[in-house]
Amino acid sequence: MIEQTLVLIKPDGVKRGLIGELISRFERRGLKIVGLKMVQVDPDFSKKHYSNHIKKDFYKGLEKFITSGPVVAVVIEGIDAVEVVRKIVGDTSPKFAPVGTIRGDFAHISLEYSDKKKKAAENLIHASGNKKEAKQEVSLWFSLDELHSYKISYEEHVM
């Protein structure tokens, strides 16, 4: 099943100069980048993206973090893209993310530590959690004219 999913390289990933490294992991897996842009998230947009977290205790820290610097938004397309991207990204809590995943290789601040410090977990990247969420997030972050259709070499093997 060909799917699209949203990935956000959060401000900590941008500030650490990991944009190219992180995007290349998806491309090397054979996934296709069909949308890409850098965005400065404002508090209103943060509330739209994280609408299911607004009433949670950690939301203030999350909003402060996601608005602290630019975010790179990426729409990734491929077979079972939502699930494959989640595997590449690794567990939300870096201490549980296996080595070889993005968070397992580049993030180290545990959710417990972040909660204790009353700040957002700086775990580099966001990936849509499921197919429904992916559709909602892609349409929130990208208009149809910002998404592109083209063939990559991997598609010759799967079509």
C-alpha atoms as a PDB file:
ATOM      1  CA  MET A   1       0.000   0.000   0.000  1.00  0.00           C
ATOM      2  CA  ILE A   2       1.530   3.333  -1.079  1.00  0.00           C
ATOM      3  CA  GLU A   3       1.124   5.849   1.748  1.00  0.00           C
ATOM      4  CA  GLN A   4       2.215   9.333   2.680  1.00  0.00           C
ATOM      5  CA  THR A   5       3.317  10.353   6.164  1.00  0.00           C
ATOM      6  CA  LEU A   6       4.627  13.472   7.858  1.00  0.00           C
ATOM      7  CA  VAL A   7       8.046  13.820   9.422  1.00  0.00           C
ATOM      8  CA  LEU A   8       9.168  16.923  11.289  1.00  0.00           C
ATOM      9  CA  ILE A   9      12.800  17.555  12.063  1.00  0.00           C
ATOM     10  CA  LYS A  10      12.361  19.510  15.262  1.00  0.00           C
ATOM     11  CA  PRO A  11      14.383  22.570  16.305  1.00  0.00           C
ATOM     12  CA  ASP A  12      17.006  20.461  18.094  1.00  0.00           C
ATOM     13  CA  GLY A  13      17.649  18.431  14.934  1.00  0.00           C
ATOM     14  CA  VAL A  14      17.926  21.599  12.854  1.00  0.00           C
ATOM     15  CA  LYS A  15      20.236  23.301  15.376  1.00  0.00           C
ATOM     16  CA  ARG A  16      22.470  20.229  15.540  1.00  0.00           C
ATOM     17  CA  GLY A  17      22.909  20.223  11.760  1.00  0.00           C
ATOM     18  CA  LEU A  18      21.279  16.811  11.271  1.00  0.00           C
ATOM     19  CA  ILE A  19      18.765  17.669   8.520  1.00  0.00           C
ATOM     20  CA  GLY A  20      20.635  15.933   5.707  1.00  0.00           C
ATOM     21  CA  GLU A  21      21.597  12.913   7.814  1.00  0.00           C
ATOM     22  CA  LEU A  22      18.030  12.349   8.963  1.00  0.00           C
ATOM     23  CA  ILE A  23      16.415  12.777   5.550  1.00  0.00           C
ATOM     24  CA  SER A  24      19.025  10.507   3.938  1.00  0.00           C
ATOM     25  CA  ARG A  25      17.957   7.644   6.200  1.00  0.00           C
ATOM     26  CA  PHE A  26      14.495   7.669   4.637  1.00  0.00           C
ATOM     27  CA  GLU A  27      15.855   7.972   1.102  1.00  0.00           C
ATOM     28  CA  ARG A  28      18.344   5.137   1.606  1.00  0.00           C
ATOM     29  CA  ARG A  29      15.433   2.943   2.683  1.00  0.00           C
ATOM     30  CA  GLY A  30      13.777   3.590  -0.678  1.00  0.00           C
ATOM     31  CA  LEU A  31      11.178   6.082   0.499  1.00  0.00           C
ATOM     32  CA  LYS A  32      10.410   9.147  -1.598  1.00  0.00           C
ATOM     33  CA  ILE A  33      10.407  12.778  -0.464  1.00  0.00           C
ATOM     34  CA  VAL A  34       7.319  14.379  -2.029  1.00  0.00           C
ATOM     35  CA  GLY A  35       7.164  17.551   0.094  1.00  0.00           C
ATOM     36  CA  LEU A  36       9.854  19.506   1.912  1.00  0.00           C
ATOM     37  CA  LYS A  37       9.995  22.933   3.573  1.00  0.00           C
ATOM     38  CA  MET A  38      11.444  24.814   6.519  1.00  0.00           C
ATOM     39  CA  VAL A  39       8.889  26.498   8.774  1.00  0.00           C
ATOM     40  CA  GLN A  40       9.004  28.699  11.858  1.00  0.00           C
ATOM     41  CA  VAL A  41       6.113  27.355  13.933  1.00  0.00           C
ATOM     42  CA  ASP A  42       4.106  29.949  15.862  1.00  0.00           C
ATOM     43  CA  PRO A  43       1.994  29.237  18.981  1.00  0.00           C
ATOM     44  CA  ASP A  44      -1.269  29.117  16.994  1.00  0.00           C
ATOM     45  CA  PHE A  45       0.077  26.508  14.559  1.00  0.00           C
ATOM     46  CA  SER A  46       1.574  24.539  17.457  1.00  0.00           C
ATOM     47  CA  LYS A  47      -1.897  24.305  18.971  1.00  0.00           C
ATOM     48  CA  LYS A  48      -3.270  22.968  15.670  1.00  0.00           C
ATOM     49  CA  HIS A  49      -0.545  20.355  15.291  1.00  0.00           C
ATOM     50  CA  TYR A  50      -0.606  19.256  18.930  1.00  0.00           C
ATOM     51  CA  SER A  51      -4.363  19.718  19.432  1.00  0.00           C
ATOM     52  CA  ASN A  52      -4.661  16.419  21.329  1.00  0.00           C
ATOM     53  CA  HIS A  53      -2.001  17.557  23.855  1.00  0.00           C
ATOM     54  CA  ILE A  54      -3.123  21.121  24.661  1.00  0.00           C
ATOM     55  CA  LYS A  55      -4.719  20.207  27.995  1.00  0.00           C
ATOM     56  CA  LYS A  56      -1.830  18.007  29.125  1.00  0.00           C
ATOM     57  CA  ASP A  57       0.666  19.234  31.703  1.00  0.00           C
ATOM     58  CA  PHE A  58       3.607  19.034  29.302  1.00  0.00           C
ATOM     59  CA  TYR A  59       2.009  21.120  26.521  1.00  0.00           C
ATOM     60  CA  LYS A  60       3.488  24.494  27.567  1.00  0.00           C
ATOM     61  CA  GLY A  61       6.999  23.072  27.355  1.00  0.00           C
ATOM     62  CA  LEU A  62       6.199  21.384  24.058  1.00  0.00           C
ATOM     63  CA  GLU A  63       4.933  24.642  22.547  1.00  0.00           C
ATOM     64  CA  LYS A  64       7.986  26.529  23.815  1.00  0.00           C
ATOM     65  CA  PHE A  65      10.246  23.912  22.243  1.00  0.00           C
ATOM     66  CA  ILE A  66       8.535  23.563  18.838  1.00  0.00           C
ATOM     67  CA  THR A  67       8.460  27.378  18.448  1.00  0.00           C
ATOM     68  CA  SER A  68      12.101  27.827  19.556  1.00  0.00           C
ATOM     69  CA  GLY A  69      13.564  27.534  16.061  1.00  0.00           C
ATOM     70  CA  PRO A  70      12.836  26.380  12.541  1.00  0.00           C
ATOM     71  CA  VAL A  71      11.334  22.976  11.820  1.00  0.00           C
ATOM     72  CA  VAL A  72      11.861  21.022   8.613  1.00  0.00           C
ATOM     73  CA  ALA A  73       8.589  19.454   7.471  1.00  0.00           C
ATOM     74  CA  VAL A  74       8.808  16.480   5.123  1.00  0.00           C
ATOM     75  CA  VAL A  75       6.161  14.379   3.418  1.00  0.00           C
ATOM     76  CA  ILE A  76       7.474  10.901   2.782  1.00  0.00           C
ATOM     77  CA  GLU A  77       5.824   8.438   0.405  1.00  0.00           C
ATOM     78  CA  GLY A  78       6.251   4.722  -0.052  1.00  0.00           C
ATOM     79  CA  ILE A  79       4.934   1.261   0.614  1.00  0.00           C
ATOM     80  CA  ASP A  80       3.694   1.104   4.222  1.00  0.00           C
ATOM     81  CA  ALA A  81       5.390   4.476   4.747  1.00  0.00           C
ATOM     82  CA  VAL A  82       3.762   5.224   8.111  1.00  0.00           C
ATOM     83  CA  GLU A  83       4.978   2.026   9.752  1.00  0.00           C
ATOM     84  CA  VAL A  84       8.379   2.012   8.038  1.00  0.00           C
ATOM     85  CA  VAL A  85       9.087   5.630   9.012  1.00  0.00           C
ATOM     86  CA  ARG A  86       8.124   4.919  12.637  1.00  0.00           C
ATOM     87  CA  LYS A  87      10.629   2.051  12.692  1.00  0.00           C
ATOM     88  CA  ILE A  88      13.389   4.253  11.251  1.00  0.00           C
ATOM     89  CA  VAL A  89      12.650   6.987  13.796  1.00  0.00           C
ATOM     90  CA  GLY A  90      12.584   4.725  16.861  1.00  0.00           C
ATOM     91  CA  ASP A  91      10.768   4.923  20.179  1.00  0.00           C
ATOM     92  CA  THR A  92       9.563   8.348  21.369  1.00  0.00           C
ATOM     93  CA  SER A  93      11.665   7.899  24.483  1.00  0.00           C
ATOM     94  CA  PRO A  94      15.296   7.931  23.330  1.00  0.00           C
ATOM     95  CA  LYS A  95      16.460   5.529  26.058  1.00  0.00           C
ATOM     96  CA  PHE A  96      14.167   2.853  24.609  1.00  0.00           C
ATOM     97  CA  ALA A  97      14.983   3.577  20.954  1.00  0.00           C
ATOM     98  CA  PRO A  98      17.228   0.859  19.511  1.00  0.00           C
ATOM     99  CA  VAL A  99      20.655   1.738  18.186  1.00  0.00           C
ATOM    100  CA  GLY A 100      20.306   2.114  14.418  1.00  0.00           C
ATOM    101  CA  THR A 101      17.160   4.229  14.701  1.00  0.00           C
ATOM    102  CA  ILE A 102      17.308   8.020  14.481  1.00  0.00           C
ATOM    103  CA  ARG A 103      16.475   8.540  18.142  1.00  0.00           C
ATOM    104  CA  GLY A 104      18.637   5.599  19.205  1.00  0.00           C
ATOM    105  CA  ASP A 105      21.642   7.052  17.394  1.00  0.00           C
ATOM    106  CA  PHE A 106      21.237  10.786  18.020  1.00  0.00           C
ATOM    107  CA  ALA A 107      18.960  11.474  21.020  1.00  0.00           C
ATOM    108  CA  HIS A 108      19.690  10.766  24.652  1.00  0.00           C
ATOM    109  CA  ILE A 109      17.445  12.881  26.899  1.00  0.00           C
ATOM    110  CA  SER A 110      14.873  10.637  28.560  1.00  0.00           C
ATOM    111  CA  LEU A 111      11.218  11.573  28.905  1.00  0.00           C
ATOM    112  CA  GLU A 112      11.567  11.259  32.688  1.00  0.00           C
ATOM    113  CA  TYR A 113      14.408  13.794  32.736  1.00  0.00           C
ATOM    114  CA  SER A 114      12.447  16.168  30.512  1.00  0.00           C
ATOM    115  CA  ASP A 115       9.370  15.846  32.716  1.00  0.00           C
ATOM    116  CA  LYS A 116      11.456  16.509  35.836  1.00  0.00           C
ATOM    117  CA  LYS A 117      12.892  19.654  34.231  1.00  0.00           C
ATOM    118  CA  LYS A 118       9.390  20.627  32.972  1.00  0.00           C
ATOM    119  CA  LYS A 119      10.571  20.864  29.376  1.00  0.00           C
ATOM    120  CA  ALA A 120       9.785  19.106  26.139  1.00  0.00           C
ATOM    121  CA  ALA A 121      11.708  15.978  25.269  1.00  0.00           C
ATOM    122  CA  GLU A 122      14.271  16.941  22.662  1.00  0.00           C
ATOM    123  CA  ASN A 123      14.025  13.789  20.587  1.00  0.00           C
ATOM    124  CA  LEU A 124      14.879  15.352  17.208  1.00  0.00           C
ATOM    125  CA  ILE A 125      11.988  14.201  15.096  1.00  0.00           C
ATOM    126  CA  HIS A 126       8.248  13.696  14.839  1.00  0.00           C
ATOM    127  CA  ALA A 127       6.624  10.992  12.718  1.00  0.00           C
ATOM    128  CA  SER A 128       2.906  10.484  12.255  1.00  0.00           C
ATOM    129  CA  GLY A 129       1.659   7.753  14.580  1.00  0.00           C
ATOM    130  CA  ASN A 130      -0.823   6.036  12.292  1.00  0.00           C
ATOM    131  CA  LYS A 131      -2.462   6.309   8.864  1.00  0.00           C
ATOM    132  CA  LYS A 132      -5.315   8.553  10.038  1.00  0.00           C
ATOM    133  CA  GLU A 133      -2.926  10.900  11.827  1.00  0.00           C
ATOM    134  CA  ALA A 134      -0.636  10.934   8.781  1.00  0.00           C
ATOM    135  CA  LYS A 135      -3.458  12.116   6.489  1.00  0.00           C
ATOM    136  CA  GLN A 136      -4.472  14.841   8.947  1.00  0.00           C
ATOM    137  CA  GLU A 137      -0.920  16.038   9.514  1.00  0.00           C
ATOM    138  CA  VAL A 138       0.085  16.047   5.835  1.00  0.00           C
ATOM    139  CA  SER A 139      -2.958  18.193   4.981  1.00  0.00           C
ATOM    140  CA  LEU A 140      -2.270  20.523   7.928  1.00  0.00           C
ATOM    141  CA  TRP A 141       1.357  21.140   6.971  1.00  0.00           C
ATOM    142  CA  PHE A 142       1.176  20.994   3.151  1.00  0.00           C
ATOM    143  CA  SER A 143      -1.208  22.185   0.469  1.00  0.00           C
ATOM    144  CA  LEU A 144      -1.745  19.909  -2.541  1.00  0.00           C
ATOM    145  CA  ASP A 145       0.374  22.163  -4.767  1.00  0.00           C
ATOM    146  CA  GLU A 146       3.325  21.697  -2.383  1.00  0.00           C
ATOM    147  CA  LEU A 147       3.360  17.929  -2.930  1.00  0.00           C
ATOM    148  CA  HIS A 148       5.153  16.492  -5.940  1.00  0.00           C
ATOM    149  CA  SER A 149       4.754  13.361  -8.028  1.00  0.00           C
ATOM    150  CA  TYR A 150       7.765  11.772  -9.711  1.00  0.00           C
ATOM    151  CA  LYS A 151       9.388   8.363 -10.096  1.00  0.00           C
ATOM    152  CA  ILE A 152      12.470   7.164  -8.237  1.00  0.00           C
ATOM    153  CA  SER A 153      14.587   4.183  -9.214  1.00  0.00           C
ATOM    154  CA  TYR A 154      13.213   1.992  -6.421  1.00  0.00           C
ATOM    155  CA  GLU A 155       9.746   2.205  -7.953  1.00  0.00           C
ATOM    156  CA  GLU A 156      10.923   0.158 -10.934  1.00  0.00           C
ATOM    157  CA  HIS A 157      11.329  -2.774  -8.539  1.00  0.00           C
ATOM    158  CA  VAL A 158       7.935  -2.505  -6.852  1.00  0.00           C
ATOM    159  CA  MET A 159       5.577  -1.479  -9.629  1.00  0.00           C
END
